[in-house]
Amino acid sequence: MIAEIDEVNVPFFHINHLIPNKKAVNRPKGQIGVIERKRIKKIREEAPGNR
């Protein structure tokens, strides 16, 4: 995905792509991030209007 920030296009991974990427790299710090990102994803999916 690309976001425009202060007229600059900034590429970034969508959370659905970031989680598998962090799992594949398999660094300890990244694995902690996977847990937190899964939590964020679950909260977003359960939020009103996302059903």
PDB file of N, CA and C in Angstrom:
ATOM      1  N   MET A   1       0.843  -1.174   0.000  1.00  0.00           N
ATOM      2  CA  MET A   1       0.000   0.000   0.000  1.00  0.00           C
ATOM      3  C   MET A   1       0.888   1.236   0.000  1.00  0.00           C
ATOM      4  N   ILE A   2       0.318   2.324  -0.440  1.00  0.00           N
ATOM      5  CA  ILE A   2       1.059   3.589  -0.461  1.00  0.00           C
ATOM      6  C   ILE A   2       0.201   4.658   0.199  1.00  0.00           C
ATOM      7  N   ALA A   3       0.805   5.406   1.104  1.00  0.00           N
ATOM      8  CA  ALA A   3       0.136   6.538   1.746  1.00  0.00           C
ATOM      9  C   ALA A   3       0.866   7.804   1.323  1.00  0.00           C
ATOM     10  N   GLU A   4       0.109   8.858   1.143  1.00  0.00           N
ATOM     11  CA  GLU A   4       0.735  10.140   0.847  1.00  0.00           C
ATOM     12  C   GLU A   4       0.831  10.933   2.143  1.00  0.00           C
ATOM     13  N   ILE A   5       2.065  11.272   2.516  1.00  0.00           N
ATOM     14  CA  ILE A   5       2.317  12.026   3.740  1.00  0.00           C
ATOM     15  C   ILE A   5       3.128  13.247   3.362  1.00  0.00           C
ATOM     16  N   ASP A   6       2.568  14.417   3.610  1.00  0.00           N
ATOM     17  CA  ASP A   6       3.232  15.673   3.243  1.00  0.00           C
ATOM     18  C   ASP A   6       3.699  15.658   1.798  1.00  0.00           C
ATOM     19  N   GLU A   7       2.809  15.201   0.912  1.00  0.00           N
ATOM     20  CA  GLU A   7       3.043  15.163  -0.535  1.00  0.00           C
ATOM     21  C   GLU A   7       4.157  14.195  -0.951  1.00  0.00           C
ATOM     22  N   VAL A   8       4.471  13.240  -0.075  1.00  0.00           N
ATOM     23  CA  VAL A   8       5.461  12.209  -0.378  1.00  0.00           C
ATOM     24  C   VAL A   8       4.751  10.852  -0.321  1.00  0.00           C
ATOM     25  N   ASN A   9       4.894  10.050  -1.382  1.00  0.00           N
ATOM     26  CA  ASN A   9       4.313   8.717  -1.390  1.00  0.00           C
ATOM     27  C   ASN A   9       5.204   7.780  -0.579  1.00  0.00           C
ATOM     28  N   VAL A  10       4.597   7.166   0.438  1.00  0.00           N
ATOM     29  CA  VAL A  10       5.345   6.298   1.344  1.00  0.00           C
ATOM     30  C   VAL A  10       4.779   4.878   1.237  1.00  0.00           C
ATOM     31  N   PRO A  11       5.575   3.937   0.717  1.00  0.00           N
ATOM     32  CA  PRO A  11       5.092   2.548   0.628  1.00  0.00           C
ATOM     33  C   PRO A  11       5.184   1.855   1.992  1.00  0.00           C
ATOM     34  N   PHE A  12       4.226   0.997   2.273  1.00  0.00           N
ATOM     35  CA  PHE A  12       4.265   0.229   3.513  1.00  0.00           C
ATOM     36  C   PHE A  12       3.464  -1.045   3.336  1.00  0.00           C
ATOM     37  N   PHE A  13       3.746  -2.030   4.196  1.00  0.00           N
ATOM     38  CA  PHE A  13       3.005  -3.281   4.178  1.00  0.00           C
ATOM     39  C   PHE A  13       1.657  -3.084   4.858  1.00  0.00           C
ATOM     40  N   HIS A  14       0.609  -3.650   4.285  1.00  0.00           N
ATOM     41  CA  HIS A  14      -0.676  -3.736   4.963  1.00  0.00           C
ATOM     42  C   HIS A  14      -0.507  -4.762   6.079  1.00  0.00           C
ATOM     43  N   ILE A  15      -1.261  -4.636   7.159  1.00  0.00           N
ATOM     44  CA  ILE A  15      -1.118  -5.548   8.293  1.00  0.00           C
ATOM     45  C   ILE A  15      -1.278  -7.006   7.870  1.00  0.00           C
ATOM     46  N   ASN A  16      -2.114  -7.269   6.842  1.00  0.00           N
ATOM     47  CA  ASN A  16      -2.308  -8.641   6.373  1.00  0.00           C
ATOM     48  C   ASN A  16      -1.061  -9.210   5.698  1.00  0.00           C
ATOM     49  N   HIS A  17      -0.179  -8.346   5.234  1.00  0.00           N
ATOM     50  CA  HIS A  17       1.073  -8.792   4.622  1.00  0.00           C
ATOM     51  C   HIS A  17       2.236  -8.707   5.614  1.00  0.00           C
ATOM     52  N   LEU A  18       2.132  -7.797   6.546  1.00  0.00           N
ATOM     53  CA  LEU A  18       3.211  -7.591   7.509  1.00  0.00           C
ATOM     54  C   LEU A  18       3.363  -8.786   8.457  1.00  0.00           C
ATOM     55  N   ILE A  19       2.248  -9.329   8.909  1.00  0.00           N
ATOM     56  CA  ILE A  19       2.302 -10.449   9.852  1.00  0.00           C
ATOM     57  C   ILE A  19       3.050 -11.648   9.249  1.00  0.00           C
ATOM     58  N   PRO A  20       2.671 -12.132   8.048  1.00  0.00           N
ATOM     59  CA  PRO A  20       3.421 -13.262   7.480  1.00  0.00           C
ATOM     60  C   PRO A  20       4.882 -12.916   7.192  1.00  0.00           C
ATOM     61  N   ASN A  21       5.148 -11.665   6.827  1.00  0.00           N
ATOM     62  CA  ASN A  21       6.520 -11.244   6.567  1.00  0.00           C
ATOM     63  C   ASN A  21       7.357 -11.331   7.835  1.00  0.00           C
ATOM     64  N   LYS A  22       6.818 -10.832   8.942  1.00  0.00           N
ATOM     65  CA  LYS A  22       7.549 -10.874  10.217  1.00  0.00           C
ATOM     66  C   LYS A  22       7.755 -12.323  10.679  1.00  0.00           C
ATOM     67  N   LYS A  23       6.754 -13.186  10.446  1.00  0.00           N
ATOM     68  CA  LYS A  23       6.894 -14.595  10.802  1.00  0.00           C
ATOM     69  C   LYS A  23       8.028 -15.238   9.998  1.00  0.00           C
ATOM     70  N   ALA A  24       8.092 -14.926   8.711  1.00  0.00           N
ATOM     71  CA  ALA A  24       9.099 -15.528   7.830  1.00  0.00           C
ATOM     72  C   ALA A  24      10.513 -15.104   8.210  1.00  0.00           C
ATOM     73  N   VAL A  25      10.689 -13.841   8.612  1.00  0.00           N
ATOM     74  CA  VAL A  25      12.018 -13.348   8.995  1.00  0.00           C
ATOM     75  C   VAL A  25      12.467 -14.020  10.291  1.00  0.00           C
ATOM     76  N   ASN A  26      11.514 -14.267  11.189  1.00  0.00           N
ATOM     77  CA  ASN A  26      11.722 -15.048  12.409  1.00  0.00           C
ATOM     78  C   ASN A  26      12.759 -14.480  13.380  1.00  0.00           C
ATOM     79  N   ARG A  27      12.797 -13.160  13.522  1.00  0.00           N
ATOM     80  CA  ARG A  27      13.647 -12.566  14.561  1.00  0.00           C
ATOM     81  C   ARG A  27      12.837 -12.498  15.844  1.00  0.00           C
ATOM     82  N   PRO A  28      13.463 -12.693  17.005  1.00  0.00           N
ATOM     83  CA  PRO A  28      12.716 -12.672  18.278  1.00  0.00           C
ATOM     84  C   PRO A  28      11.888 -11.397  18.465  1.00  0.00           C
ATOM     85  N   LYS A  29      12.470 -10.258  18.172  1.00  0.00           N
ATOM     86  CA  LYS A  29      11.742  -8.997  18.330  1.00  0.00           C
ATOM     87  C   LYS A  29      10.557  -8.936  17.361  1.00  0.00           C
ATOM     88  N   GLY A  30      10.749  -9.446  16.172  1.00  0.00           N
ATOM     89  CA  GLY A  30       9.670  -9.470  15.186  1.00  0.00           C
ATOM     90  C   GLY A  30       8.528 -10.373  15.602  1.00  0.00           C
ATOM     91  N   GLN A  31       8.864 -11.478  16.293  1.00  0.00           N
ATOM     92  CA  GLN A  31       7.819 -12.401  16.736  1.00  0.00           C
ATOM     93  C   GLN A  31       6.932 -11.766  17.811  1.00  0.00           C
ATOM     94  N   ILE A  32       7.513 -10.928  18.633  1.00  0.00           N
ATOM     95  CA  ILE A  32       6.710 -10.165  19.603  1.00  0.00           C
ATOM     96  C   ILE A  32       5.782  -9.230  18.840  1.00  0.00           C
ATOM     97  N   GLY A  33       6.299  -8.617  17.798  1.00  0.00           N
ATOM     98  CA  GLY A  33       5.486  -7.733  16.964  1.00  0.00           C
ATOM     99  C   GLY A  33       4.334  -8.472  16.297  1.00  0.00           C
ATOM    100  N   VAL A  34       4.570  -9.721  15.911  1.00  0.00           N
ATOM    101  CA  VAL A  34       3.508 -10.529  15.297  1.00  0.00           C
ATOM    102  C   VAL A  34       2.353 -10.690  16.274  1.00  0.00           C
ATOM    103  N   ILE A  35       2.666 -11.000  17.510  1.00  0.00           N
ATOM    104  CA  ILE A  35       1.623 -11.169  18.537  1.00  0.00           C
ATOM    105  C   ILE A  35       0.805  -9.887  18.685  1.00  0.00           C
ATOM    106  N   GLU A  36       1.498  -8.766  18.770  1.00  0.00           N
ATOM    107  CA  GLU A  36       0.802  -7.478  18.945  1.00  0.00           C
ATOM    108  C   GLU A  36      -0.017  -7.115  17.712  1.00  0.00           C
ATOM    109  N   ARG A  37       0.526  -7.366  16.529  1.00  0.00           N
ATOM    110  CA  ARG A  37      -0.213  -7.037  15.303  1.00  0.00           C
ATOM    111  C   ARG A  37      -1.447  -7.909  15.132  1.00  0.00           C
ATOM    112  N   LYS A  38      -1.359  -9.171  15.560  1.00  0.00           N
ATOM    113  CA  LYS A  38      -2.539 -10.039  15.522  1.00  0.00           C
ATOM    114  C   LYS A  38      -3.617  -9.495  16.452  1.00  0.00           C
ATOM    115  N   ARG A  39      -3.188  -8.990  17.607  1.00  0.00           N
ATOM    116  CA  ARG A  39      -4.135  -8.383  18.551  1.00  0.00           C
ATOM    117  C   ARG A  39      -4.819  -7.170  17.918  1.00  0.00           C
ATOM    118  N   ILE A  40      -4.022  -6.332  17.265  1.00  0.00           N
ATOM    119  CA  ILE A  40      -4.566  -5.140  16.606  1.00  0.00           C
ATOM    120  C   ILE A  40      -5.554  -5.549  15.516  1.00  0.00           C
ATOM    121  N   LYS A  41      -5.165  -6.536  14.715  1.00  0.00           N
ATOM    122  CA  LYS A  41      -6.032  -6.999  13.627  1.00  0.00           C
ATOM    123  C   LYS A  41      -7.365  -7.502  14.178  1.00  0.00           C
ATOM    124  N   LYS A  42      -7.318  -8.266  15.269  1.00  0.00           N
ATOM    125  CA  LYS A  42      -8.544  -8.794  15.879  1.00  0.00           C
ATOM    126  C   LYS A  42      -9.434  -7.656  16.374  1.00  0.00           C
ATOM    127  N   ILE A  43      -8.853  -6.666  17.014  1.00  0.00           N
ATOM    128  CA  ILE A  43      -9.621  -5.513  17.504  1.00  0.00           C
ATOM    129  C   ILE A  43     -10.284  -4.791  16.341  1.00  0.00           C
ATOM    130  N   ARG A  44      -9.530  -4.588  15.266  1.00  0.00           N
ATOM    131  CA  ARG A  44     -10.102  -3.909  14.082  1.00  0.00           C
ATOM    132  C   ARG A  44     -11.250  -4.701  13.490  1.00  0.00           C
ATOM    133  N   GLU A  45     -11.092  -6.022  13.419  1.00  0.00           N
ATOM    134  CA  GLU A  45     -12.141  -6.871  12.829  1.00  0.00           C
ATOM    135  C   GLU A  45     -13.402  -6.888  13.683  1.00  0.00           C
ATOM    136  N   GLU A  46     -13.243  -6.746  15.001  1.00  0.00           N
ATOM    137  CA  GLU A  46     -14.383  -6.785  15.909  1.00  0.00           C
ATOM    138  C   GLU A  46     -15.031  -5.422  16.111  1.00  0.00           C
ATOM    139  N   ALA A  47     -14.406  -4.372  15.592  1.00  0.00           N
ATOM    140  CA  ALA A  47     -14.936  -3.018  15.764  1.00  0.00           C
ATOM    141  C   ALA A  47     -16.286  -2.871  15.043  1.00  0.00           C
ATOM    142  N   PRO A  48     -17.191  -2.084  15.621  1.00  0.00           N
ATOM    143  CA  PRO A  48     -18.483  -1.843  14.967  1.00  0.00           C
ATOM    144  C   PRO A  48     -18.256  -1.304  13.551  1.00  0.00           C
ATOM    145  N   GLY A  49     -19.067  -1.796  12.630  1.00  0.00           N
ATOM    146  CA  GLY A  49     -18.959  -1.353  11.241  1.00  0.00           C
ATOM    147  C   GLY A  49     -18.059  -2.230  10.402  1.00  0.00           C
ATOM    148  N   ASN A  50     -17.373  -3.186  11.012  1.00  0.00           N
ATOM    149  CA  ASN A  50     -16.488  -4.077  10.274  1.00  0.00           C
ATOM    150  C   ASN A  50     -17.048  -5.508  10.224  1.00  0.00           C
ATOM    151  N   ARG A  51     -18.322  -5.638  10.376  1.00  0.00           N
ATOM    152  CA  ARG A  51     -18.917  -6.988  10.391  1.00  0.00           C
ATOM    153  C   ARG A  51     -19.532  -7.322   9.078  1.00  0.00           C
TER     154      ARG A  51
END
